[in-house]
C-alpha cells in the first residue's frame, strides 16, 4: 500500500456502525467531511458532530444506502461480518473507496487504511502498518508526539522565509542552504517547542539565516 493524503473538505463519509470503532472513525473524518453514521444503536462516545441515521441495514440494502449518500469514502465498522463484507463489496462495485475497520492484513482493490496521525498544523505525520497492527501504529504515534511538537510553527516560518529569500538576489544554492539551516536549527526548534510563539521563532530564524548567508 502507498500512503496518500486526501482532502475530504466538502465530501461525504458514510460509516456503517455506531460502536466505539465507528465513533473513532467519525471523529477523525468529521474534522473535514460531512459524516453520516448508520446504525441501530450508538455508543455513548463523541462522534465529532456527525449525523446519525438510526437504522439496521440489511446487506442487500447497502448499495441503495451508498447511492443515496454519494460518499467519497465508505467505512464498514459494524460487528456483523456479513454486513461489513456487503459494505466493502458494494463500495468496490460503485468505484468508491472503502475502509474495512474489521479487516487486518490483505486488502481488496480500492480499500484504504486510516493511519494513526500526529498533527501540528500544517504538519501532519501518519503511521500505518497496512492494517496489520493498529496497536503498533498507536504506540508509534505516541512516540512521535514529542518529535512533531512545534513543527507547525517551524514549517510556517520556513515556508515564509523561502518566499522572502527567493525575492532577494541571492544565489539559489546559498538560499537553499539558509533555509535548510533554519529547518535543522536546534535553537529554532527549542523556541518553537517551549513557547509556540511565531514571532520569537521568526527572530531566531532570521539570525540563523544571517549567519548562514554570512558564512
N, C-alpha and C. Protein backbone atom coordinates (compact mmCIF):
# COMPACT_ATOMS: atom_id res chain seq x y z
N UNK A 1 0.84 -1.19 0.00
CA UNK A 1 0.00 0.00 0.00
C UNK A 1 0.88 1.24 0.00
N UNK A 2 0.47 2.28 -0.73
CA UNK A 2 1.21 3.53 -0.82
C UNK A 2 0.41 4.62 -0.14
N UNK A 3 0.97 5.27 0.90
CA UNK A 3 0.23 6.32 1.59
C UNK A 3 -0.03 7.53 0.69
N UNK A 4 -1.23 8.07 0.78
CA UNK A 4 -1.61 9.29 0.09
C UNK A 4 -2.35 10.20 1.07
N UNK A 5 -2.40 11.48 0.75
CA UNK A 5 -3.17 12.42 1.56
C UNK A 5 -4.38 12.86 0.75
N UNK A 6 -5.56 12.74 1.33
CA UNK A 6 -6.80 13.04 0.60
C UNK A 6 -7.53 14.19 1.29
N UNK A 7 -7.97 15.16 0.51
CA UNK A 7 -8.74 16.30 1.03
C UNK A 7 -10.22 15.92 1.03
N UNK A 8 -10.81 15.85 2.22
CA UNK A 8 -12.22 15.48 2.34
C UNK A 8 -13.13 16.69 2.54
N UNK A 9 -12.59 17.88 2.37
CA UNK A 9 -13.41 19.09 2.52
C UNK A 9 -14.59 19.05 1.55
N UNK A 10 -15.81 19.18 2.08
CA UNK A 10 -17.00 19.19 1.23
C UNK A 10 -17.47 17.81 0.79
N UNK A 11 -16.78 16.77 1.22
CA UNK A 11 -17.15 15.40 0.84
C UNK A 11 -18.02 14.75 1.91
N UNK A 12 -18.61 13.63 1.55
CA UNK A 12 -19.41 12.84 2.50
C UNK A 12 -18.66 11.55 2.81
N UNK A 13 -18.59 11.21 4.09
CA UNK A 13 -18.07 9.91 4.52
C UNK A 13 -19.22 9.16 5.17
N UNK A 14 -19.51 7.98 4.65
CA UNK A 14 -20.63 7.17 5.14
C UNK A 14 -20.07 6.04 5.99
N UNK A 15 -20.49 5.99 7.25
CA UNK A 15 -19.99 4.99 8.18
C UNK A 15 -21.12 4.06 8.59
N UNK A 16 -20.91 2.78 8.42
CA UNK A 16 -21.85 1.78 8.92
C UNK A 16 -21.29 1.24 10.23
N UNK A 17 -22.00 1.53 11.33
CA UNK A 17 -21.54 1.06 12.63
C UNK A 17 -21.42 2.21 13.61
N UNK A 18 -22.20 2.12 14.71
CA UNK A 18 -22.21 3.19 15.70
C UNK A 18 -21.53 2.84 17.00
N UNK A 19 -20.65 1.82 16.97
CA UNK A 19 -19.91 1.44 18.17
C UNK A 19 -18.69 2.31 18.38
N UNK A 20 -17.81 1.92 19.31
CA UNK A 20 -16.61 2.69 19.59
C UNK A 20 -15.71 2.89 18.37
N UNK A 21 -15.60 1.87 17.53
CA UNK A 21 -14.76 1.99 16.33
C UNK A 21 -15.38 2.99 15.36
N UNK A 22 -16.68 2.87 15.15
CA UNK A 22 -17.36 3.82 14.28
C UNK A 22 -17.25 5.24 14.80
N UNK A 23 -17.32 5.40 16.12
CA UNK A 23 -17.20 6.73 16.72
C UNK A 23 -15.81 7.31 16.47
N UNK A 24 -14.78 6.48 16.63
CA UNK A 24 -13.41 6.95 16.39
C UNK A 24 -13.21 7.38 14.95
N UNK A 25 -13.73 6.58 14.03
CA UNK A 25 -13.62 6.94 12.61
C UNK A 25 -14.39 8.23 12.33
N UNK A 26 -15.56 8.36 12.94
CA UNK A 26 -16.39 9.55 12.71
C UNK A 26 -15.68 10.80 13.18
N UNK A 27 -15.10 10.74 14.37
CA UNK A 27 -14.39 11.91 14.89
C UNK A 27 -13.27 12.32 13.95
N UNK A 28 -12.57 11.36 13.42
CA UNK A 28 -11.43 11.67 12.55
C UNK A 28 -11.88 12.36 11.28
N UNK A 29 -12.89 11.81 10.63
CA UNK A 29 -13.30 12.37 9.33
C UNK A 29 -14.16 13.62 9.47
N UNK A 30 -14.82 13.77 10.62
CA UNK A 30 -15.65 14.96 10.82
C UNK A 30 -14.82 16.23 10.92
N UNK A 31 -13.51 16.10 11.05
CA UNK A 31 -12.64 17.28 11.04
C UNK A 31 -12.72 18.01 9.71
N UNK A 32 -13.08 17.28 8.64
CA UNK A 32 -13.19 17.90 7.32
C UNK A 32 -14.52 17.60 6.65
N UNK A 33 -14.92 16.35 6.67
CA UNK A 33 -16.05 15.91 5.86
C UNK A 33 -17.39 16.01 6.59
N UNK A 34 -18.44 15.89 5.82
CA UNK A 34 -19.77 15.66 6.40
C UNK A 34 -19.86 14.15 6.62
N UNK A 35 -20.04 13.74 7.86
CA UNK A 35 -20.04 12.32 8.20
C UNK A 35 -21.45 11.86 8.56
N UNK A 36 -21.86 10.78 7.94
CA UNK A 36 -23.16 10.19 8.21
C UNK A 36 -22.92 8.79 8.78
N UNK A 37 -23.45 8.53 9.97
CA UNK A 37 -23.27 7.24 10.63
C UNK A 37 -24.60 6.50 10.66
N UNK A 38 -24.60 5.30 10.10
CA UNK A 38 -25.82 4.48 10.04
C UNK A 38 -25.67 3.32 11.02
N UNK A 39 -26.60 3.23 11.97
CA UNK A 39 -26.52 2.17 12.98
C UNK A 39 -27.84 2.10 13.75
N UNK A 40 -28.21 0.90 14.23
CA UNK A 40 -29.43 0.81 15.05
C UNK A 40 -29.21 1.39 16.45
N UNK A 41 -27.96 1.40 16.92
CA UNK A 41 -27.62 1.97 18.22
C UNK A 41 -26.32 2.75 18.10
N UNK A 42 -26.08 3.63 19.07
CA UNK A 42 -24.86 4.45 19.03
C UNK A 42 -24.19 4.43 20.40
N UNK A 43 -22.89 4.23 20.39
CA UNK A 43 -22.12 4.19 21.63
C UNK A 43 -22.18 5.53 22.34
N UNK A 44 -22.01 5.50 23.63
CA UNK A 44 -22.01 6.73 24.43
C UNK A 44 -20.63 7.38 24.32
N UNK A 45 -20.29 7.79 23.10
CA UNK A 45 -19.00 8.42 22.82
C UNK A 45 -19.22 9.60 21.88
N UNK A 46 -18.21 10.44 21.77
CA UNK A 46 -18.29 11.58 20.85
C UNK A 46 -18.14 11.09 19.41
N UNK A 47 -18.96 11.65 18.52
CA UNK A 47 -18.90 11.32 17.11
C UNK A 47 -18.49 12.53 16.27
N UNK A 48 -17.99 13.57 16.93
CA UNK A 48 -17.47 14.71 16.18
C UNK A 48 -18.51 15.52 15.43
N UNK A 49 -19.74 15.53 15.93
CA UNK A 49 -20.78 16.30 15.24
C UNK A 49 -21.32 15.61 14.01
N UNK A 50 -21.16 14.29 13.90
CA UNK A 50 -21.66 13.54 12.75
C UNK A 50 -23.19 13.47 12.77
N UNK A 51 -23.74 13.16 11.62
CA UNK A 51 -25.19 12.97 11.51
C UNK A 51 -25.52 11.50 11.79
N UNK A 52 -26.55 11.26 12.60
CA UNK A 52 -26.95 9.90 12.94
C UNK A 52 -28.17 9.49 12.11
N UNK A 53 -28.11 8.28 11.58
CA UNK A 53 -29.29 7.68 10.95
C UNK A 53 -29.53 6.36 11.68
N UNK A 54 -30.60 6.31 12.46
CA UNK A 54 -30.87 5.12 13.26
C UNK A 54 -31.59 4.09 12.38
N UNK A 55 -30.83 3.11 11.94
CA UNK A 55 -31.38 2.07 11.06
C UNK A 55 -30.47 0.85 11.14
N UNK A 56 -31.03 -0.29 10.77
CA UNK A 56 -30.28 -1.55 10.75
C UNK A 56 -30.32 -2.10 9.33
N UNK A 57 -29.43 -1.64 8.47
CA UNK A 57 -29.48 -2.04 7.06
C UNK A 57 -29.26 -3.55 6.87
N UNK A 58 -30.00 -4.12 5.98
CA UNK A 58 -29.77 -5.49 5.55
C UNK A 58 -28.66 -5.46 4.51
N UNK A 59 -27.82 -6.48 4.41
CA UNK A 59 -26.76 -6.48 3.40
C UNK A 59 -27.25 -6.14 2.00
N UNK A 60 -28.45 -6.59 1.67
CA UNK A 60 -28.99 -6.32 0.34
C UNK A 60 -29.33 -4.85 0.14
N UNK A 61 -29.50 -4.11 1.24
CA UNK A 61 -29.88 -2.70 1.15
C UNK A 61 -28.67 -1.76 1.01
N UNK A 62 -27.49 -2.28 1.25
CA UNK A 62 -26.30 -1.42 1.29
C UNK A 62 -26.09 -0.62 0.02
N UNK A 63 -26.20 -1.22 -1.19
CA UNK A 63 -26.00 -0.42 -2.41
C UNK A 63 -26.89 0.81 -2.48
N UNK A 64 -28.15 0.67 -2.02
CA UNK A 64 -29.07 1.80 -2.05
C UNK A 64 -28.63 2.90 -1.09
N UNK A 65 -28.13 2.50 0.08
CA UNK A 65 -27.63 3.49 1.05
C UNK A 65 -26.46 4.26 0.45
N UNK A 66 -25.56 3.54 -0.19
CA UNK A 66 -24.38 4.18 -0.77
C UNK A 66 -24.78 5.11 -1.91
N UNK A 67 -25.69 4.66 -2.74
CA UNK A 67 -26.14 5.50 -3.86
C UNK A 67 -26.80 6.78 -3.35
N UNK A 68 -27.58 6.68 -2.27
CA UNK A 68 -28.28 7.85 -1.74
C UNK A 68 -27.31 8.85 -1.11
N UNK A 69 -26.27 8.35 -0.45
CA UNK A 69 -25.33 9.25 0.25
C UNK A 69 -24.29 9.84 -0.69
N UNK A 70 -23.97 9.14 -1.77
CA UNK A 70 -22.94 9.58 -2.71
C UNK A 70 -21.65 9.96 -1.98
N UNK A 71 -21.08 9.03 -1.21
CA UNK A 71 -19.90 9.37 -0.39
C UNK A 71 -18.59 9.28 -1.18
N UNK A 72 -17.58 9.94 -0.63
CA UNK A 72 -16.22 9.80 -1.17
C UNK A 72 -15.54 8.58 -0.56
N UNK A 73 -16.01 8.20 0.64
CA UNK A 73 -15.45 7.05 1.35
C UNK A 73 -16.55 6.38 2.16
N UNK A 74 -16.51 5.05 2.17
CA UNK A 74 -17.44 4.27 2.98
C UNK A 74 -16.62 3.51 4.02
N UNK A 75 -17.10 3.51 5.25
CA UNK A 75 -16.41 2.79 6.32
C UNK A 75 -17.31 1.68 6.84
N UNK A 76 -16.78 0.46 6.86
CA UNK A 76 -17.51 -0.68 7.42
C UNK A 76 -16.98 -0.92 8.82
N UNK A 77 -17.78 -0.59 9.84
CA UNK A 77 -17.31 -0.67 11.22
C UNK A 77 -18.37 -1.31 12.12
N UNK A 78 -19.12 -2.27 11.57
CA UNK A 78 -20.12 -2.95 12.39
C UNK A 78 -19.50 -4.20 13.00
N UNK A 79 -20.26 -4.89 13.85
CA UNK A 79 -19.79 -6.16 14.42
C UNK A 79 -20.38 -7.34 13.67
N UNK A 80 -20.88 -7.07 12.47
CA UNK A 80 -21.50 -8.11 11.63
C UNK A 80 -20.61 -8.33 10.41
N UNK A 81 -19.94 -9.48 10.36
CA UNK A 81 -19.02 -9.77 9.26
C UNK A 81 -19.72 -9.77 7.91
N UNK A 82 -20.94 -10.29 7.87
CA UNK A 82 -21.68 -10.35 6.61
C UNK A 82 -22.02 -8.95 6.12
N UNK A 83 -22.45 -8.10 7.02
CA UNK A 83 -22.79 -6.72 6.64
C UNK A 83 -21.53 -5.96 6.22
N UNK A 84 -20.43 -6.13 6.95
CA UNK A 84 -19.19 -5.46 6.58
C UNK A 84 -18.73 -5.90 5.19
N UNK A 85 -18.86 -7.18 4.91
CA UNK A 85 -18.47 -7.69 3.59
C UNK A 85 -19.36 -7.08 2.51
N UNK A 86 -20.65 -6.94 2.81
CA UNK A 86 -21.57 -6.34 1.84
C UNK A 86 -21.23 -4.88 1.59
N UNK A 87 -20.84 -4.17 2.65
CA UNK A 87 -20.43 -2.76 2.51
C UNK A 87 -19.20 -2.67 1.63
N UNK A 88 -18.21 -3.51 1.90
CA UNK A 88 -16.99 -3.49 1.09
C UNK A 88 -17.27 -3.81 -0.36
N UNK A 89 -18.09 -4.80 -0.60
CA UNK A 89 -18.41 -5.22 -1.96
C UNK A 89 -19.18 -4.14 -2.71
N UNK A 90 -20.18 -3.54 -2.05
CA UNK A 90 -20.99 -2.50 -2.70
C UNK A 90 -20.17 -1.27 -3.03
N UNK A 91 -19.30 -0.87 -2.10
CA UNK A 91 -18.45 0.30 -2.35
C UNK A 91 -17.51 0.04 -3.51
N UNK A 92 -16.91 -1.15 -3.54
CA UNK A 92 -15.99 -1.50 -4.62
C UNK A 92 -16.70 -1.50 -5.96
N UNK A 93 -17.90 -2.06 -6.00
CA UNK A 93 -18.66 -2.11 -7.26
C UNK A 93 -19.06 -0.72 -7.72
N UNK A 94 -19.23 0.20 -6.77
CA UNK A 94 -19.60 1.57 -7.11
C UNK A 94 -18.38 2.44 -7.41
N UNK A 95 -17.18 1.86 -7.27
CA UNK A 95 -15.96 2.62 -7.53
C UNK A 95 -15.65 3.63 -6.44
N UNK A 96 -16.07 3.33 -5.20
CA UNK A 96 -15.87 4.25 -4.08
C UNK A 96 -14.87 3.63 -3.11
N UNK A 97 -13.99 4.45 -2.55
CA UNK A 97 -13.02 3.97 -1.58
C UNK A 97 -13.74 3.41 -0.35
N UNK A 98 -13.16 2.35 0.22
CA UNK A 98 -13.78 1.73 1.38
C UNK A 98 -12.72 1.40 2.42
N UNK A 99 -13.09 1.59 3.68
CA UNK A 99 -12.24 1.22 4.79
C UNK A 99 -12.95 0.14 5.59
N UNK A 100 -12.38 -1.06 5.60
CA UNK A 100 -12.92 -2.15 6.39
C UNK A 100 -12.24 -2.12 7.76
N UNK A 101 -12.92 -1.58 8.75
CA UNK A 101 -12.33 -1.45 10.07
C UNK A 101 -12.13 -2.79 10.75
N UNK A 102 -12.79 -3.83 10.23
CA UNK A 102 -12.68 -5.16 10.82
C UNK A 102 -11.62 -6.02 10.14
N UNK A 103 -10.92 -5.47 9.18
CA UNK A 103 -10.01 -6.26 8.37
C UNK A 103 -8.56 -5.91 8.66
N UNK A 104 -7.73 -6.92 8.90
CA UNK A 104 -6.30 -6.74 9.08
C UNK A 104 -5.58 -7.47 7.95
N UNK A 105 -4.39 -6.97 7.62
CA UNK A 105 -3.61 -7.65 6.59
C UNK A 105 -4.10 -7.37 5.20
N UNK A 106 -4.33 -8.44 4.41
CA UNK A 106 -4.69 -8.31 3.00
C UNK A 106 -5.91 -7.45 2.76
N UNK A 107 -5.87 -6.70 1.68
CA UNK A 107 -6.95 -5.77 1.37
C UNK A 107 -7.38 -5.95 -0.08
N UNK A 108 -8.68 -5.68 -0.33
CA UNK A 108 -9.16 -5.72 -1.69
C UNK A 108 -8.80 -4.43 -2.42
N UNK A 109 -8.91 -4.49 -3.74
CA UNK A 109 -8.66 -3.31 -4.55
C UNK A 109 -9.63 -2.20 -4.16
N UNK A 110 -9.09 -0.98 -4.02
CA UNK A 110 -9.92 0.18 -3.68
C UNK A 110 -10.10 0.39 -2.19
N UNK A 111 -9.52 -0.51 -1.37
CA UNK A 111 -9.67 -0.35 0.07
C UNK A 111 -8.57 0.56 0.60
N UNK A 112 -8.84 1.23 1.71
CA UNK A 112 -7.89 2.14 2.30
C UNK A 112 -7.74 1.82 3.79
N UNK A 113 -6.60 2.21 4.32
CA UNK A 113 -6.33 2.09 5.75
C UNK A 113 -6.25 3.50 6.31
N UNK A 114 -6.92 3.75 7.41
CA UNK A 114 -6.85 5.06 8.06
C UNK A 114 -5.69 5.03 9.04
N UNK A 115 -4.64 5.82 8.81
CA UNK A 115 -3.45 5.74 9.66
C UNK A 115 -3.63 6.45 11.00
N UNK A 116 -2.75 6.10 11.93
CA UNK A 116 -2.64 6.88 13.17
C UNK A 116 -1.89 8.16 12.80
N UNK A 117 -2.35 9.30 13.29
CA UNK A 117 -1.75 10.56 12.88
C UNK A 117 -1.35 11.42 14.07
N UNK A 118 -0.31 12.22 13.82
CA UNK A 118 0.12 13.25 14.76
C UNK A 118 0.08 14.56 13.98
N UNK A 119 -0.69 15.53 14.45
CA UNK A 119 -0.88 16.77 13.71
C UNK A 119 -0.41 17.98 14.52
N UNK A 120 0.31 18.84 13.86
CA UNK A 120 0.67 20.15 14.39
C UNK A 120 0.63 21.08 13.19
N UNK A 121 -0.60 21.41 12.77
CA UNK A 121 -0.84 22.12 11.52
C UNK A 121 0.16 23.22 11.23
N UNK A 122 0.64 23.26 9.98
CA UNK A 122 0.24 22.47 8.83
C UNK A 122 0.98 21.14 8.67
N UNK A 123 1.72 20.73 9.70
CA UNK A 123 2.48 19.48 9.62
C UNK A 123 1.62 18.32 10.12
N UNK A 124 1.66 17.23 9.38
CA UNK A 124 0.97 16.02 9.80
C UNK A 124 1.84 14.82 9.50
N UNK A 125 1.93 13.91 10.46
CA UNK A 125 2.71 12.69 10.29
C UNK A 125 1.76 11.51 10.46
N UNK A 126 1.80 10.59 9.50
CA UNK A 126 0.92 9.42 9.54
C UNK A 126 1.75 8.16 9.72
N UNK A 127 1.22 7.24 10.52
CA UNK A 127 1.87 5.96 10.76
C UNK A 127 0.90 4.85 10.43
N UNK A 128 1.33 3.91 9.62
CA UNK A 128 0.46 2.80 9.27
C UNK A 128 1.24 1.50 9.19
N UNK A 129 0.59 0.43 9.58
CA UNK A 129 1.16 -0.90 9.41
C UNK A 129 0.38 -1.66 8.33
N UNK A 130 -0.30 -0.90 7.47
CA UNK A 130 -1.11 -1.53 6.44
C UNK A 130 -2.31 -2.25 7.00
N UNK A 131 -2.71 -1.87 8.21
CA UNK A 131 -3.86 -2.51 8.84
C UNK A 131 -3.50 -3.77 9.61
N UNK A 132 -2.21 -4.16 9.58
CA UNK A 132 -1.80 -5.39 10.24
C UNK A 132 -1.85 -5.29 11.76
N UNK A 133 -1.41 -4.12 12.29
CA UNK A 133 -1.37 -3.97 13.74
C UNK A 133 -1.65 -2.53 14.15
N UNK A 134 -2.91 -2.15 14.28
CA UNK A 134 -3.25 -0.79 14.73
C UNK A 134 -2.62 -0.44 16.07
N UNK A 135 -2.41 -1.43 16.94
CA UNK A 135 -1.80 -1.15 18.25
C UNK A 135 -0.39 -0.61 18.09
N UNK A 136 0.35 -1.17 17.13
CA UNK A 136 1.71 -0.68 16.88
C UNK A 136 1.66 0.74 16.32
N UNK A 137 0.72 1.01 15.43
CA UNK A 137 0.56 2.36 14.89
C UNK A 137 0.28 3.37 15.99
N UNK A 138 -0.60 3.00 16.91
CA UNK A 138 -0.94 3.92 18.00
C UNK A 138 0.26 4.16 18.92
N UNK A 139 1.04 3.10 19.17
CA UNK A 139 2.23 3.26 20.01
C UNK A 139 3.23 4.21 19.35
N UNK A 140 3.47 4.01 18.05
CA UNK A 140 4.42 4.87 17.34
C UNK A 140 3.92 6.31 17.29
N UNK A 141 2.61 6.48 17.18
CA UNK A 141 2.04 7.84 17.19
C UNK A 141 2.38 8.54 18.50
N UNK A 142 2.23 7.84 19.61
CA UNK A 142 2.56 8.44 20.90
C UNK A 142 4.05 8.78 20.98
N UNK A 143 4.90 7.93 20.44
CA UNK A 143 6.33 8.17 20.45
C UNK A 143 6.68 9.41 19.62
N UNK A 144 5.92 9.65 18.56
CA UNK A 144 6.22 10.76 17.64
C UNK A 144 5.69 12.10 18.12
N UNK A 145 4.79 12.10 19.09
CA UNK A 145 4.16 13.34 19.51
C UNK A 145 5.18 14.39 19.96
N UNK A 146 6.18 13.96 20.73
CA UNK A 146 7.18 14.91 21.20
C UNK A 146 8.07 15.40 20.06
N UNK A 147 8.29 14.54 19.07
CA UNK A 147 9.13 14.92 17.92
C UNK A 147 8.44 15.96 17.06
N UNK A 148 7.15 15.80 16.87
CA UNK A 148 6.39 16.68 15.98
C UNK A 148 6.00 17.99 16.66
N UNK A 149 6.02 18.01 17.98
CA UNK A 149 5.64 19.23 18.71
C UNK A 149 6.44 20.43 18.22
N UNK A 150 5.75 21.50 17.88
CA UNK A 150 6.40 22.71 17.39
C UNK A 150 6.64 22.73 15.90
N UNK A 151 6.39 21.60 15.24
CA UNK A 151 6.68 21.52 13.80
C UNK A 151 5.82 22.46 12.98
N UNK A 152 4.60 22.70 13.42
CA UNK A 152 3.70 23.56 12.66
C UNK A 152 4.23 24.97 12.51
N UNK A 153 4.66 25.57 13.64
CA UNK A 153 5.15 26.94 13.57
C UNK A 153 6.49 26.99 12.83
N UNK A 154 7.33 25.97 12.98
CA UNK A 154 8.60 25.94 12.24
C UNK A 154 8.33 25.86 10.74
N UNK A 155 7.41 25.02 10.34
CA UNK A 155 7.09 24.88 8.91
C UNK A 155 6.55 26.19 8.35
N UNK A 156 5.71 26.87 9.13
CA UNK A 156 5.15 28.14 8.67
C UNK A 156 6.25 29.18 8.47
N UNK A 157 7.14 29.28 9.45
CA UNK A 157 8.24 30.25 9.37
C UNK A 157 9.17 29.92 8.22
N UNK A 158 9.53 28.66 8.08
CA UNK A 158 10.44 28.26 6.99
C UNK A 158 9.79 28.50 5.63
N UNK A 159 8.49 28.22 5.52
CA UNK A 159 7.80 28.46 4.26
C UNK A 159 7.81 29.93 3.88
N UNK A 160 7.59 30.80 4.86
CA UNK A 160 7.62 32.24 4.59
C UNK A 160 9.03 32.70 4.22
N UNK A 161 10.03 32.13 4.89
CA UNK A 161 11.42 32.50 4.60
C UNK A 161 11.79 32.14 3.16
N UNK A 162 11.33 31.01 2.72
CA UNK A 162 11.62 30.60 1.33
C UNK A 162 11.16 31.68 0.36
N UNK A 163 9.94 32.18 0.57
CA UNK A 163 9.41 33.21 -0.31
C UNK A 163 10.18 34.51 -0.19
N UNK A 164 10.54 34.88 1.05
CA UNK A 164 11.27 36.13 1.26
C UNK A 164 12.65 36.09 0.60
N UNK A 165 13.36 34.99 0.81
CA UNK A 165 14.70 34.87 0.25
C UNK A 165 14.68 34.74 -1.27
N UNK A 166 13.63 34.12 -1.79
CA UNK A 166 13.52 33.97 -3.24
C UNK A 166 13.38 35.31 -3.92
N UNK A 167 12.78 36.27 -3.21
CA UNK A 167 12.58 37.60 -3.79
C UNK A 167 13.86 38.43 -3.77
N UNK A 168 14.87 37.95 -3.06
CA UNK A 168 16.13 38.67 -2.99
C UNK A 168 17.13 38.10 -3.99
N UNK A 169 18.09 38.90 -4.35
CA UNK A 169 19.10 38.47 -5.34
C UNK A 169 20.18 37.65 -4.63
N UNK A 170 19.81 36.43 -4.29
CA UNK A 170 20.72 35.53 -3.59
C UNK A 170 20.90 34.28 -4.43
N UNK A 171 22.13 33.81 -4.48
CA UNK A 171 22.42 32.59 -5.23
C UNK A 171 21.48 31.47 -4.74
N UNK A 172 20.83 30.75 -5.66
CA UNK A 172 19.85 29.73 -5.28
C UNK A 172 20.40 28.69 -4.31
N UNK A 173 21.66 28.26 -4.52
CA UNK A 173 22.21 27.24 -3.63
C UNK A 173 22.43 27.78 -2.23
N UNK A 174 22.90 29.03 -2.11
CA UNK A 174 23.08 29.65 -0.79
C UNK A 174 21.72 29.84 -0.12
N UNK A 175 20.72 30.18 -0.92
CA UNK A 175 19.37 30.35 -0.38
C UNK A 175 18.85 29.03 0.18
N UNK A 176 19.05 27.96 -0.56
CA UNK A 176 18.60 26.65 -0.09
C UNK A 176 19.35 26.23 1.17
N UNK A 177 20.64 26.54 1.23
CA UNK A 177 21.42 26.21 2.42
C UNK A 177 20.90 26.98 3.64
N UNK A 178 20.53 28.23 3.45
CA UNK A 178 20.00 29.03 4.55
C UNK A 178 18.68 28.47 5.05
N UNK A 179 17.82 28.09 4.13
CA UNK A 179 16.53 27.52 4.51
C UNK A 179 16.73 26.20 5.25
N UNK A 180 17.63 25.36 4.73
CA UNK A 180 17.90 24.09 5.41
C UNK A 180 18.49 24.31 6.80
N UNK A 181 19.31 25.35 6.94
CA UNK A 181 19.90 25.65 8.24
C UNK A 181 18.82 25.99 9.26
N UNK A 182 17.83 26.77 8.85
CA UNK A 182 16.72 27.11 9.75
C UNK A 182 15.93 25.87 10.11
N UNK A 183 15.61 25.05 9.12
CA UNK A 183 14.81 23.84 9.36
C UNK A 183 15.50 22.87 10.31
N UNK A 184 16.84 22.90 10.33
CA UNK A 184 17.60 21.97 11.17
C UNK A 184 18.13 22.61 12.44
N UNK A 185 17.81 23.88 12.68
CA UNK A 185 18.38 24.61 13.81
C UNK A 185 17.79 24.17 15.15
N UNK A 186 18.65 23.74 16.04
CA UNK A 186 18.20 23.37 17.39
C UNK A 186 17.59 24.57 18.10
N UNK A 187 18.17 25.75 17.89
CA UNK A 187 17.66 26.95 18.55
C UNK A 187 16.24 27.26 18.10
N UNK A 188 15.97 27.13 16.80
CA UNK A 188 14.63 27.38 16.26
C UNK A 188 13.64 26.39 16.86
N UNK A 189 13.99 25.12 16.89
CA UNK A 189 13.09 24.10 17.40
C UNK A 189 12.84 24.26 18.90
N UNK A 190 13.87 24.65 19.62
CA UNK A 190 13.71 24.83 21.07
C UNK A 190 12.69 25.93 21.37
N UNK A 191 12.81 27.06 20.69
CA UNK A 191 11.87 28.16 20.90
C UNK A 191 10.47 27.74 20.48
N UNK A 192 10.37 27.03 19.36
CA UNK A 192 9.06 26.60 18.87
C UNK A 192 8.37 25.69 19.88
N UNK A 193 9.13 24.76 20.46
CA UNK A 193 8.54 23.79 21.38
C UNK A 193 8.26 24.39 22.75
N UNK A 194 9.11 25.31 23.18
CA UNK A 194 8.94 25.87 24.51
C UNK A 194 7.89 26.98 24.56
N UNK A 195 7.77 27.75 23.47
CA UNK A 195 6.86 28.90 23.51
C UNK A 195 5.72 28.81 22.50
N UNK A 196 6.00 28.21 21.35
CA UNK A 196 4.99 28.20 20.29
C UNK A 196 4.72 29.57 19.73
N UNK A 197 5.56 30.55 20.10
CA UNK A 197 5.40 31.94 19.69
C UNK A 197 6.04 32.14 18.32
N UNK A 198 5.20 32.37 17.31
CA UNK A 198 5.72 32.50 15.95
C UNK A 198 6.67 33.69 15.82
N UNK A 199 6.37 34.78 16.50
CA UNK A 199 7.24 35.95 16.40
C UNK A 199 8.65 35.63 16.91
N UNK A 200 8.75 34.95 18.04
CA UNK A 200 10.05 34.59 18.59
C UNK A 200 10.78 33.61 17.69
N UNK A 201 10.03 32.67 17.11
CA UNK A 201 10.65 31.71 16.20
C UNK A 201 11.23 32.43 14.99
N UNK A 202 10.50 33.43 14.49
CA UNK A 202 10.99 34.19 13.34
C UNK A 202 12.27 34.95 13.68
N UNK A 203 12.33 35.50 14.89
CA UNK A 203 13.53 36.23 15.29
C UNK A 203 14.75 35.32 15.30
N UNK A 204 14.59 34.13 15.85
CA UNK A 204 15.71 33.18 15.88
C UNK A 204 16.04 32.72 14.46
N UNK A 205 15.01 32.48 13.65
CA UNK A 205 15.23 32.04 12.27
C UNK A 205 15.98 33.10 11.48
N UNK A 206 15.66 34.37 11.70
CA UNK A 206 16.34 35.45 10.99
C UNK A 206 17.84 35.46 11.33
N UNK A 207 18.15 35.20 12.60
CA UNK A 207 19.56 35.15 13.00
C UNK A 207 20.28 33.98 12.34
N UNK A 208 19.60 32.85 12.25
CA UNK A 208 20.20 31.68 11.61
C UNK A 208 20.45 31.95 10.13
N UNK A 209 19.51 32.61 9.48
CA UNK A 209 19.66 32.95 8.06
C UNK A 209 20.84 33.90 7.88
N UNK A 210 20.93 34.90 8.71
CA UNK A 210 22.02 35.87 8.60
C UNK A 210 23.38 35.16 8.76
N UNK A 211 23.48 34.26 9.71
CA UNK A 211 24.72 33.52 9.90
C UNK A 211 25.04 32.63 8.71
N UNK A 212 24.02 32.00 8.17
CA UNK A 212 24.23 31.11 7.03
C UNK A 212 24.68 31.88 5.80
N UNK A 213 24.11 33.06 5.56
CA UNK A 213 24.46 33.85 4.39
C UNK A 213 25.80 34.54 4.54
N UNK A 214 26.19 34.80 5.79
CA UNK A 214 27.48 35.43 6.03
C UNK A 214 28.64 34.44 6.00
N UNK A 215 28.27 33.15 6.14
CA UNK A 215 29.30 32.13 6.23
C UNK A 215 29.99 31.84 4.92
